[in-house]
């Protein structure tokens, strides 16, 4: 599994390697990117406020960049 670290050691838990999300019942790669971007948009940074950011859990509805009306 992939775990990224920010400069202040916040863990960004990506999970399965790219393209293997379905084997682990995780969010799709596109959903993971959308979740990470949504977190950044909401908080303005990936630093400081939390110990980790978990991107693995699938969500019912996450707005993707292609969903713009």
PDB file of N, CA and C in Angstrom:
ATOM      1  N   UNK A   1       0.825  -1.185   0.000  1.00  0.00           N
ATOM      2  CA  UNK A   1       0.000   0.000   0.000  1.00  0.00           C
ATOM      3  C   UNK A   1       0.872   1.252   0.000  1.00  0.00           C
ATOM      4  N   UNK A   2       0.332   2.308  -0.564  1.00  0.00           N
ATOM      5  CA  UNK A   2       1.069   3.562  -0.704  1.00  0.00           C
ATOM      6  C   UNK A   2       0.672   4.519   0.416  1.00  0.00           C
ATOM      7  N   UNK A   3       1.686   5.059   1.086  1.00  0.00           N
ATOM      8  CA  UNK A   3       1.496   6.108   2.082  1.00  0.00           C
ATOM      9  C   UNK A   3       2.468   7.223   1.732  1.00  0.00           C
ATOM     10  N   UNK A   4       1.935   8.422   1.573  1.00  0.00           N
ATOM     11  CA  UNK A   4       2.753   9.600   1.294  1.00  0.00           C
ATOM     12  C   UNK A   4       2.867  10.408   2.578  1.00  0.00           C
ATOM     13  N   UNK A   5       3.922  11.215   2.687  1.00  0.00           N
ATOM     14  CA  UNK A   5       4.110  12.055   3.871  1.00  0.00           C
ATOM     15  C   UNK A   5       4.318  13.498   3.453  1.00  0.00           C
ATOM     16  N   UNK A   6       3.630  14.410   4.136  1.00  0.00           N
ATOM     17  CA  UNK A   6       3.839  15.833   3.893  1.00  0.00           C
ATOM     18  C   UNK A   6       5.103  16.263   4.633  1.00  0.00           C
ATOM     19  N   UNK A   7       5.508  17.497   4.445  1.00  0.00           N
ATOM     20  CA  UNK A   7       6.738  17.982   5.080  1.00  0.00           C
ATOM     21  C   UNK A   7       6.648  18.021   6.600  1.00  0.00           C
ATOM     22  N   UNK A   8       5.426  18.025   7.159  1.00  0.00           N
ATOM     23  CA  UNK A   8       5.291  17.972   8.621  1.00  0.00           C
ATOM     24  C   UNK A   8       4.877  16.578   9.100  1.00  0.00           C
ATOM     25  N   UNK A   9       5.110  15.573   8.259  1.00  0.00           N
ATOM     26  CA  UNK A   9       4.868  14.158   8.564  1.00  0.00           C
ATOM     27  C   UNK A   9       3.401  13.764   8.682  1.00  0.00           C
ATOM     28  N   UNK A  10       2.489  14.554   8.136  1.00  0.00           N
ATOM     29  CA  UNK A  10       1.103  14.109   8.026  1.00  0.00           C
ATOM     30  C   UNK A  10       1.068  12.970   7.013  1.00  0.00           C
ATOM     31  N   UNK A  11       0.453  11.849   7.388  1.00  0.00           N
ATOM     32  CA  UNK A  11       0.340  10.712   6.475  1.00  0.00           C
ATOM     33  C   UNK A  11      -0.828  10.930   5.524  1.00  0.00           C
ATOM     34  N   UNK A  12      -0.581  10.723   4.240  1.00  0.00           N
ATOM     35  CA  UNK A  12      -1.642  10.698   3.242  1.00  0.00           C
ATOM     36  C   UNK A  12      -1.736   9.236   2.810  1.00  0.00           C
ATOM     37  N   UNK A  13      -2.764   8.558   3.302  1.00  0.00           N
ATOM     38  CA  UNK A  13      -2.903   7.119   3.073  1.00  0.00           C
ATOM     39  C   UNK A  13      -3.643   6.900   1.764  1.00  0.00           C
ATOM     40  N   UNK A  14      -2.896   6.604   0.713  1.00  0.00           N
ATOM     41  CA  UNK A  14      -3.468   6.366  -0.613  1.00  0.00           C
ATOM     42  C   UNK A  14      -4.076   4.978  -0.671  1.00  0.00           C
ATOM     43  N   UNK A  15      -3.351   3.984  -0.195  1.00  0.00           N
ATOM     44  CA  UNK A  15      -3.837   2.607  -0.228  1.00  0.00           C
ATOM     45  C   UNK A  15      -3.180   1.807  -1.335  1.00  0.00           C
ATOM     46  N   UNK A  16      -3.982   1.028  -2.044  1.00  0.00           N
ATOM     47  CA  UNK A  16      -3.476   0.131  -3.082  1.00  0.00           C
ATOM     48  C   UNK A  16      -2.775   0.908  -4.190  1.00  0.00           C
ATOM     49  N   UNK A  17      -1.822   0.238  -4.828  1.00  0.00           N
ATOM     50  CA  UNK A  17      -1.119   0.897  -5.932  1.00  0.00           C
ATOM     51  C   UNK A  17      -2.101   1.244  -7.046  1.00  0.00           C
ATOM     52  N   UNK A  18      -1.693   2.170  -7.883  1.00  0.00           N
ATOM     53  CA  UNK A  18      -2.565   2.664  -8.950  1.00  0.00           C
ATOM     54  C   UNK A  18      -3.134   1.517  -9.777  1.00  0.00           C
ATOM     55  N   UNK A  19      -4.430   1.579 -10.013  1.00  0.00           N
ATOM     56  CA  UNK A  19      -5.103   0.576 -10.827  1.00  0.00           C
ATOM     57  C   UNK A  19      -5.494  -0.692 -10.088  1.00  0.00           C
ATOM     58  N   UNK A  20      -5.170  -0.811  -8.806  1.00  0.00           N
ATOM     59  CA  UNK A  20      -5.478  -2.035  -8.053  1.00  0.00           C
ATOM     60  C   UNK A  20      -6.509  -1.800  -6.946  1.00  0.00           C
ATOM     61  N   UNK A  21      -7.189  -0.660  -6.994  1.00  0.00           N
ATOM     62  CA  UNK A  21      -8.150  -0.299  -5.943  1.00  0.00           C
ATOM     63  C   UNK A  21      -9.259  -1.326  -5.780  1.00  0.00           C
ATOM     64  N   UNK A  22      -9.741  -1.916  -6.879  1.00  0.00           N
ATOM     65  CA  UNK A  22     -10.876  -2.831  -6.826  1.00  0.00           C
ATOM     66  C   UNK A  22     -10.544  -4.111  -6.070  1.00  0.00           C
ATOM     67  N   UNK A  23      -9.276  -4.521  -6.069  1.00  0.00           N
ATOM     68  CA  UNK A  23      -8.876  -5.736  -5.353  1.00  0.00           C
ATOM     69  C   UNK A  23      -9.001  -5.568  -3.843  1.00  0.00           C
ATOM     70  N   UNK A  24      -9.011  -4.336  -3.379  1.00  0.00           N
ATOM     71  CA  UNK A  24      -9.063  -4.057  -1.942  1.00  0.00           C
ATOM     72  C   UNK A  24     -10.343  -3.319  -1.542  1.00  0.00           C
ATOM     73  N   UNK A  25     -11.294  -3.224  -2.475  1.00  0.00           N
ATOM     74  CA  UNK A  25     -12.579  -2.551  -2.245  1.00  0.00           C
ATOM     75  C   UNK A  25     -12.396  -1.117  -1.761  1.00  0.00           C
ATOM     76  N   UNK A  26     -11.438  -0.439  -2.360  1.00  0.00           N
ATOM     77  CA  UNK A  26     -11.146   0.948  -2.018  1.00  0.00           C
ATOM     78  C   UNK A  26     -11.828   1.894  -2.999  1.00  0.00           C
ATOM     79  N   UNK A  27     -11.738   3.181  -2.692  1.00  0.00           N
ATOM     80  CA  UNK A  27     -12.182   4.207  -3.633  1.00  0.00           C
ATOM     81  C   UNK A  27     -11.354   4.082  -4.911  1.00  0.00           C
ATOM     82  N   UNK A  28     -11.917   4.510  -6.032  1.00  0.00           N
ATOM     83  CA  UNK A  28     -11.158   4.487  -7.283  1.00  0.00           C
ATOM     84  C   UNK A  28     -10.019   5.499  -7.201  1.00  0.00           C
ATOM     85  N   UNK A  29      -9.056   5.370  -8.094  1.00  0.00           N
ATOM     86  CA  UNK A  29      -7.937   6.315  -8.116  1.00  0.00           C
ATOM     87  C   UNK A  29      -8.429   7.743  -8.342  1.00  0.00           C
ATOM     88  N   UNK A  30      -9.410   7.910  -9.221  1.00  0.00           N
ATOM     89  CA  UNK A  30      -9.972   9.245  -9.479  1.00  0.00           C
ATOM     90  C   UNK A  30     -10.663   9.795  -8.232  1.00  0.00           C
ATOM     91  N   UNK A  31     -11.381   8.942  -7.498  1.00  0.00           N
ATOM     92  CA  UNK A  31     -12.032   9.377  -6.260  1.00  0.00           C
ATOM     93  C   UNK A  31     -10.996   9.794  -5.217  1.00  0.00           C
ATOM     94  N   UNK A  32      -9.902   9.053  -5.147  1.00  0.00           N
ATOM     95  CA  UNK A  32      -8.844   9.395  -4.189  1.00  0.00           C
ATOM     96  C   UNK A  32      -8.251  10.764  -4.501  1.00  0.00           C
ATOM     97  N   UNK A  33      -7.988  11.020  -5.765  1.00  0.00           N
ATOM     98  CA  UNK A  33      -7.482  12.346  -6.153  1.00  0.00           C
ATOM     99  C   UNK A  33      -8.496  13.432  -5.823  1.00  0.00           C
ATOM    100  N   UNK A  34      -9.767  13.157  -6.088  1.00  0.00           N
ATOM    101  CA  UNK A  34     -10.817  14.132  -5.802  1.00  0.00           C
ATOM    102  C   UNK A  34     -10.928  14.388  -4.302  1.00  0.00           C
ATOM    103  N   UNK A  35     -10.810  13.343  -3.481  1.00  0.00           N
ATOM    104  CA  UNK A  35     -10.867  13.506  -2.031  1.00  0.00           C
ATOM    105  C   UNK A  35      -9.696  14.343  -1.533  1.00  0.00           C
ATOM    106  N   UNK A  36      -8.513  14.089  -2.068  1.00  0.00           N
ATOM    107  CA  UNK A  36      -7.335  14.852  -1.659  1.00  0.00           C
ATOM    108  C   UNK A  36      -7.481  16.316  -2.051  1.00  0.00           C
ATOM    109  N   UNK A  37      -7.964  16.564  -3.256  1.00  0.00           N
ATOM    110  CA  UNK A  37      -8.166  17.940  -3.714  1.00  0.00           C
ATOM    111  C   UNK A  37      -9.256  18.632  -2.894  1.00  0.00           C
ATOM    112  N   UNK A  38     -10.330  17.912  -2.587  1.00  0.00           N
ATOM    113  CA  UNK A  38     -11.411  18.483  -1.781  1.00  0.00           C
ATOM    114  C   UNK A  38     -10.910  18.850  -0.386  1.00  0.00           C
ATOM    115  N   UNK A  39     -10.056  18.012   0.179  1.00  0.00           N
ATOM    116  CA  UNK A  39      -9.474  18.327   1.491  1.00  0.00           C
ATOM    117  C   UNK A  39      -8.650  19.606   1.396  1.00  0.00           C
ATOM    118  N   UNK A  40      -7.819  19.695   0.368  1.00  0.00           N
ATOM    119  CA  UNK A  40      -6.996  20.892   0.173  1.00  0.00           C
ATOM    120  C   UNK A  40      -7.864  22.138  -0.026  1.00  0.00           C
ATOM    121  N   UNK A  41      -8.900  22.021  -0.830  1.00  0.00           N
ATOM    122  CA  UNK A  41      -9.797  23.154  -1.076  1.00  0.00           C
ATOM    123  C   UNK A  41     -10.479  23.613   0.219  1.00  0.00           C
ATOM    124  N   UNK A  42     -10.881  22.658   1.043  1.00  0.00           N
ATOM    125  CA  UNK A  42     -11.588  23.003   2.279  1.00  0.00           C
ATOM    126  C   UNK A  42     -10.667  23.625   3.323  1.00  0.00           C
ATOM    127  N   UNK A  43      -9.447  23.085   3.463  1.00  0.00           N
ATOM    128  CA  UNK A  43      -8.559  23.520   4.540  1.00  0.00           C
ATOM    129  C   UNK A  43      -7.406  24.405   4.075  1.00  0.00           C
ATOM    130  N   UNK A  44      -7.196  24.501   2.761  1.00  0.00           N
ATOM    131  CA  UNK A  44      -6.151  25.368   2.233  1.00  0.00           C
ATOM    132  C   UNK A  44      -4.747  24.815   2.326  1.00  0.00           C
ATOM    133  N   UNK A  45      -4.611  23.616   2.868  1.00  0.00           N
ATOM    134  CA  UNK A  45      -3.289  23.013   3.041  1.00  0.00           C
ATOM    135  C   UNK A  45      -3.464  21.544   3.401  1.00  0.00           C
ATOM    136  N   UNK A  46      -2.402  20.781   3.254  1.00  0.00           N
ATOM    137  CA  UNK A  46      -2.390  19.397   3.728  1.00  0.00           C
ATOM    138  C   UNK A  46      -1.583  19.287   5.014  1.00  0.00           C
ATOM    139  N   UNK A  47      -1.125  20.406   5.526  1.00  0.00           N
ATOM    140  CA  UNK A  47      -0.223  20.431   6.677  1.00  0.00           C
ATOM    141  C   UNK A  47      -0.943  20.775   7.968  1.00  0.00           C
ATOM    142  N   UNK A  48      -0.447  20.190   9.059  1.00  0.00           N
ATOM    143  CA  UNK A  48      -0.720  20.702  10.374  1.00  0.00           C
ATOM    144  C   UNK A  48      -1.933  20.282  11.160  1.00  0.00           C
ATOM    145  N   UNK A  49      -3.074  20.136  10.551  1.00  0.00           N
ATOM    146  CA  UNK A  49      -4.293  19.977  11.339  1.00  0.00           C
ATOM    147  C   UNK A  49      -4.630  18.539  11.733  1.00  0.00           C
ATOM    148  N   UNK A  50      -4.138  17.564  11.008  1.00  0.00           N
ATOM    149  CA  UNK A  50      -4.506  16.175  11.276  1.00  0.00           C
ATOM    150  C   UNK A  50      -3.267  15.287  11.267  1.00  0.00           C
ATOM    151  N   UNK A  51      -3.407  14.110  11.858  1.00  0.00           N
ATOM    152  CA  UNK A  51      -2.309  13.145  11.870  1.00  0.00           C
ATOM    153  C   UNK A  51      -2.231  12.396  10.538  1.00  0.00           C
ATOM    154  N   UNK A  52      -3.399  12.136   9.938  1.00  0.00           N
ATOM    155  CA  UNK A  52      -3.421  11.434   8.655  1.00  0.00           C
ATOM    156  C   UNK A  52      -4.653  11.831   7.850  1.00  0.00           C
ATOM    157  N   UNK A  53      -4.559  11.586   6.529  1.00  0.00           N
ATOM    158  CA  UNK A  53      -5.670  11.781   5.601  1.00  0.00           C
ATOM    159  C   UNK A  53      -5.870  10.444   4.904  1.00  0.00           C
ATOM    160  N   UNK A  54      -7.005   9.812   5.137  1.00  0.00           N
ATOM    161  CA  UNK A  54      -7.276   8.491   4.580  1.00  0.00           C
ATOM    162  C   UNK A  54      -8.081   8.636   3.293  1.00  0.00           C
ATOM    163  N   UNK A  55      -7.516   8.198   2.193  1.00  0.00           N
ATOM    164  CA  UNK A  55      -8.179   8.303   0.892  1.00  0.00           C
ATOM    165  C   UNK A  55      -8.803   6.986   0.436  1.00  0.00           C
ATOM    166  N   UNK A  56      -8.651   5.924   1.203  1.00  0.00           N
ATOM    167  CA  UNK A  56      -9.050   4.586   0.756  1.00  0.00           C
ATOM    168  C   UNK A  56     -10.544   4.333   0.734  1.00  0.00           C
ATOM    169  N   UNK A  57     -11.281   4.903   1.665  1.00  0.00           N
ATOM    170  CA  UNK A  57     -12.698   4.559   1.807  1.00  0.00           C
ATOM    171  C   UNK A  57     -13.524   5.075   0.640  1.00  0.00           C
ATOM    172  N   UNK A  58     -14.299   4.186   0.001  1.00  0.00           N
ATOM    173  CA  UNK A  58     -15.168   4.644  -1.088  1.00  0.00           C
ATOM    174  C   UNK A  58     -16.295   5.518  -0.545  1.00  0.00           C
ATOM    175  N   UNK A  59     -16.728   6.465  -1.344  1.00  0.00           N
ATOM    176  CA  UNK A  59     -17.818   7.368  -0.981  1.00  0.00           C
ATOM    177  C   UNK A  59     -18.926   7.210  -2.015  1.00  0.00           C
ATOM    178  N   UNK A  60     -20.145   7.509  -1.600  1.00  0.00           N
ATOM    179  CA  UNK A  60     -21.265   7.422  -2.536  1.00  0.00           C
ATOM    180  C   UNK A  60     -21.156   8.460  -3.639  1.00  0.00           C
ATOM    181  N   UNK A  61     -20.786   9.683  -3.267  1.00  0.00           N
ATOM    182  CA  UNK A  61     -20.759  10.747  -4.276  1.00  0.00           C
ATOM    183  C   UNK A  61     -19.666  11.746  -3.932  1.00  0.00           C
ATOM    184  N   UNK A  62     -18.628  11.747  -4.730  1.00  0.00           N
ATOM    185  CA  UNK A  62     -17.552  12.717  -4.596  1.00  0.00           C
ATOM    186  C   UNK A  62     -17.494  13.486  -5.901  1.00  0.00           C
ATOM    187  N   UNK A  63     -17.571  14.817  -5.870  1.00  0.00           N
ATOM    188  CA  UNK A  63     -17.493  15.566  -7.127  1.00  0.00           C
ATOM    189  C   UNK A  63     -16.115  15.418  -7.771  1.00  0.00           C
ATOM    190  N   UNK A  64     -16.112  14.977  -9.000  1.00  0.00           N
ATOM    191  CA  UNK A  64     -14.873  14.844  -9.759  1.00  0.00           C
ATOM    192  C   UNK A  64     -14.719  16.059 -10.664  1.00  0.00           C
ATOM    193  N   UNK A  65     -13.492  16.367 -11.085  1.00  0.00           N
ATOM    194  CA  UNK A  65     -13.300  17.519 -11.973  1.00  0.00           C
ATOM    195  C   UNK A  65     -14.170  17.458 -13.229  1.00  0.00           C
ATOM    196  N   UNK A  66     -14.490  16.268 -13.706  1.00  0.00           N
ATOM    197  CA  UNK A  66     -15.304  16.139 -14.920  1.00  0.00           C
ATOM    198  C   UNK A  66     -16.783  16.380 -14.647  1.00  0.00           C
ATOM    199  N   UNK A  67     -17.176  16.501 -13.357  1.00  0.00           N
ATOM    200  CA  UNK A  67     -18.573  16.710 -12.992  1.00  0.00           C
ATOM    201  C   UNK A  67     -19.013  18.161 -13.082  1.00  0.00           C
ATOM    202  N   UNK A  68     -18.129  19.068 -13.438  1.00  0.00           N
ATOM    203  CA  UNK A  68     -18.496  20.484 -13.486  1.00  0.00           C
ATOM    204  C   UNK A  68     -19.574  20.702 -14.533  1.00  0.00           C
ATOM    205  N   UNK A  69     -20.598  21.455 -14.151  1.00  0.00           N
ATOM    206  CA  UNK A  69     -21.719  21.715 -15.063  1.00  0.00           C
ATOM    207  C   UNK A  69     -21.429  22.838 -16.014  1.00  0.00           C
TER     208      UNK A  69
END
